[in-house]
Amino acid sequence: MGRRRRPGRHADVRLFVATGILGGFTTFSTFSLEALTLARDGSAGLATAYAAGSVALGFAAAYAGTVAARLLAPHA
């Protein structure tokens, strides 16, 4: 006899792929395209600032989220 699957498992995997993986891919592609377009248009300094600023803000947001989670999570 085969194992029974959870009824919503396929939908969960599809949702993860559609929003998680594809969402991250399109966001990163847009970020890369914008930086490349700035550089090709002769704004190498602005492209560098855009890329560095985006990465720095991403790290800052991740850090802020970690701090907020620690403050809001129930202590064990």
C-alpha atoms as a PDB file:
ATOM      1  CA  MET A   1       0.000   0.000   0.000  1.00  0.00           C
ATOM      2  CA  GLY A   2       1.211   3.485  -0.808  1.00  0.00           C
ATOM      3  CA  ARG A   3       1.546   6.336   1.570  1.00  0.00           C
ATOM      4  CA  ARG A   4      -1.293   8.797   1.679  1.00  0.00           C
ATOM      5  CA  ARG A   5      -0.461  12.375   0.865  1.00  0.00           C
ATOM      6  CA  ARG A   6      -1.735  15.378   2.666  1.00  0.00           C
ATOM      7  CA  PRO A   7      -4.474  16.964   0.521  1.00  0.00           C
ATOM      8  CA  GLY A   8      -2.848  20.417   0.407  1.00  0.00           C
ATOM      9  CA  ARG A   9       0.761  19.334  -0.053  1.00  0.00           C
ATOM     10  CA  HIS A  10       0.853  19.969  -3.810  1.00  0.00           C
ATOM     11  CA  ALA A  11      -0.655  23.417  -3.303  1.00  0.00           C
ATOM     12  CA  ASP A  12       1.957  24.209  -0.614  1.00  0.00           C
ATOM     13  CA  VAL A  13       4.831  23.269  -2.924  1.00  0.00           C
ATOM     14  CA  ARG A  14       3.349  25.255  -5.784  1.00  0.00           C
ATOM     15  CA  LEU A  15       2.894  28.313  -3.568  1.00  0.00           C
ATOM     16  CA  PHE A  16       6.488  28.043  -2.309  1.00  0.00           C
ATOM     17  CA  VAL A  17       7.876  27.819  -5.839  1.00  0.00           C
ATOM     18  CA  ALA A  18       5.663  30.584  -7.236  1.00  0.00           C
ATOM     19  CA  THR A  19       6.211  33.140  -4.497  1.00  0.00           C
ATOM     20  CA  GLY A  20       9.476  32.119  -2.897  1.00  0.00           C
ATOM     21  CA  ILE A  21      11.794  31.015  -5.640  1.00  0.00           C
ATOM     22  CA  LEU A  22      10.293  32.872  -8.602  1.00  0.00           C
ATOM     23  CA  GLY A  23       9.648  35.988  -6.535  1.00  0.00           C
ATOM     24  CA  GLY A  24      13.260  36.100  -5.401  1.00  0.00           C
ATOM     25  CA  PHE A  25      14.503  35.457  -8.925  1.00  0.00           C
ATOM     26  CA  THR A  26      12.485  38.284 -10.447  1.00  0.00           C
ATOM     27  CA  THR A  27      13.446  40.707  -7.677  1.00  0.00           C
ATOM     28  CA  PHE A  28      17.151  39.951  -8.103  1.00  0.00           C
ATOM     29  CA  SER A  29      16.850  40.150 -11.895  1.00  0.00           C
ATOM     30  CA  THR A  30      15.278  43.602 -11.663  1.00  0.00           C
ATOM     31  CA  PHE A  31      17.981  44.761  -9.243  1.00  0.00           C
ATOM     32  CA  SER A  32      20.709  43.515 -11.587  1.00  0.00           C
ATOM     33  CA  LEU A  33      19.083  45.040 -14.670  1.00  0.00           C
ATOM     34  CA  GLU A  34      18.733  48.442 -13.014  1.00  0.00           C
ATOM     35  CA  ALA A  35      22.394  48.462 -11.932  1.00  0.00           C
ATOM     36  CA  LEU A  36      23.540  47.337 -15.384  1.00  0.00           C
ATOM     37  CA  THR A  37      21.374  49.941 -17.120  1.00  0.00           C
ATOM     38  CA  LEU A  38      22.820  52.709 -14.955  1.00  0.00           C
ATOM     39  CA  ALA A  39      26.366  51.535 -15.709  1.00  0.00           C
ATOM     40  CA  ARG A  40      25.723  51.258 -19.462  1.00  0.00           C
ATOM     41  CA  ASP A  41      24.204  54.736 -19.539  1.00  0.00           C
ATOM     42  CA  GLY A  42      27.450  56.177 -18.221  1.00  0.00           C
ATOM     43  CA  SER A  43      26.500  56.419 -14.567  1.00  0.00           C
ATOM     44  CA  ALA A  44      29.013  53.942 -13.156  1.00  0.00           C
ATOM     45  CA  GLY A  45      29.206  55.801  -9.854  1.00  0.00           C
ATOM     46  CA  LEU A  46      25.441  55.829  -9.480  1.00  0.00           C
ATOM     47  CA  ALA A  47      25.268  52.141 -10.435  1.00  0.00           C
ATOM     48  CA  THR A  48      27.849  51.311  -7.773  1.00  0.00           C
ATOM     49  CA  ALA A  49      26.031  53.400  -5.170  1.00  0.00           C
ATOM     50  CA  TYR A  50      22.720  51.761  -6.110  1.00  0.00           C
ATOM     51  CA  ALA A  51      24.140  48.248  -5.809  1.00  0.00           C
ATOM     52  CA  ALA A  52      26.050  48.935  -2.585  1.00  0.00           C
ATOM     53  CA  GLY A  53      23.125  50.803  -1.051  1.00  0.00           C
ATOM     54  CA  SER A  54      20.670  48.056  -1.932  1.00  0.00           C
ATOM     55  CA  VAL A  55      22.882  45.387  -0.383  1.00  0.00           C
ATOM     56  CA  ALA A  56      23.546  47.505   2.725  1.00  0.00           C
ATOM     57  CA  LEU A  57      19.838  48.215   3.205  1.00  0.00           C
ATOM     58  CA  GLY A  58      19.093  44.516   2.736  1.00  0.00           C
ATOM     59  CA  PHE A  59      21.539  43.595   5.494  1.00  0.00           C
ATOM     60  CA  ALA A  60      20.129  46.332   7.726  1.00  0.00           C
ATOM     61  CA  ALA A  61      16.581  45.078   7.162  1.00  0.00           C
ATOM     62  CA  ALA A  62      17.612  41.492   7.922  1.00  0.00           C
ATOM     63  CA  TYR A  63      19.341  42.623  11.116  1.00  0.00           C
ATOM     64  CA  ALA A  64      16.330  44.715  12.165  1.00  0.00           C
ATOM     65  CA  GLY A  65      14.045  41.751  11.535  1.00  0.00           C
ATOM     66  CA  THR A  66      16.244  39.506  13.655  1.00  0.00           C
ATOM     67  CA  VAL A  67      16.268  42.015  16.512  1.00  0.00           C
ATOM     68  CA  ALA A  68      12.498  42.496  16.283  1.00  0.00           C
ATOM     69  CA  ALA A  69      11.918  38.742  16.298  1.00  0.00           C
ATOM     70  CA  ARG A  70      14.056  38.334  19.416  1.00  0.00           C
ATOM     71  CA  LEU A  71      12.198  41.126  21.187  1.00  0.00           C
ATOM     72  CA  LEU A  72       8.741  39.924  20.199  1.00  0.00           C
ATOM     73  CA  ALA A  73       9.251  36.165  20.557  1.00  0.00           C
ATOM     74  CA  PRO A  74       8.168  34.563  23.807  1.00  0.00           C
ATOM     75  CA  HIS A  75      11.163  33.705  25.947  1.00  0.00           C
ATOM     76  CA  ALA A  76      11.705  30.011  26.545  1.00  0.00           C
END
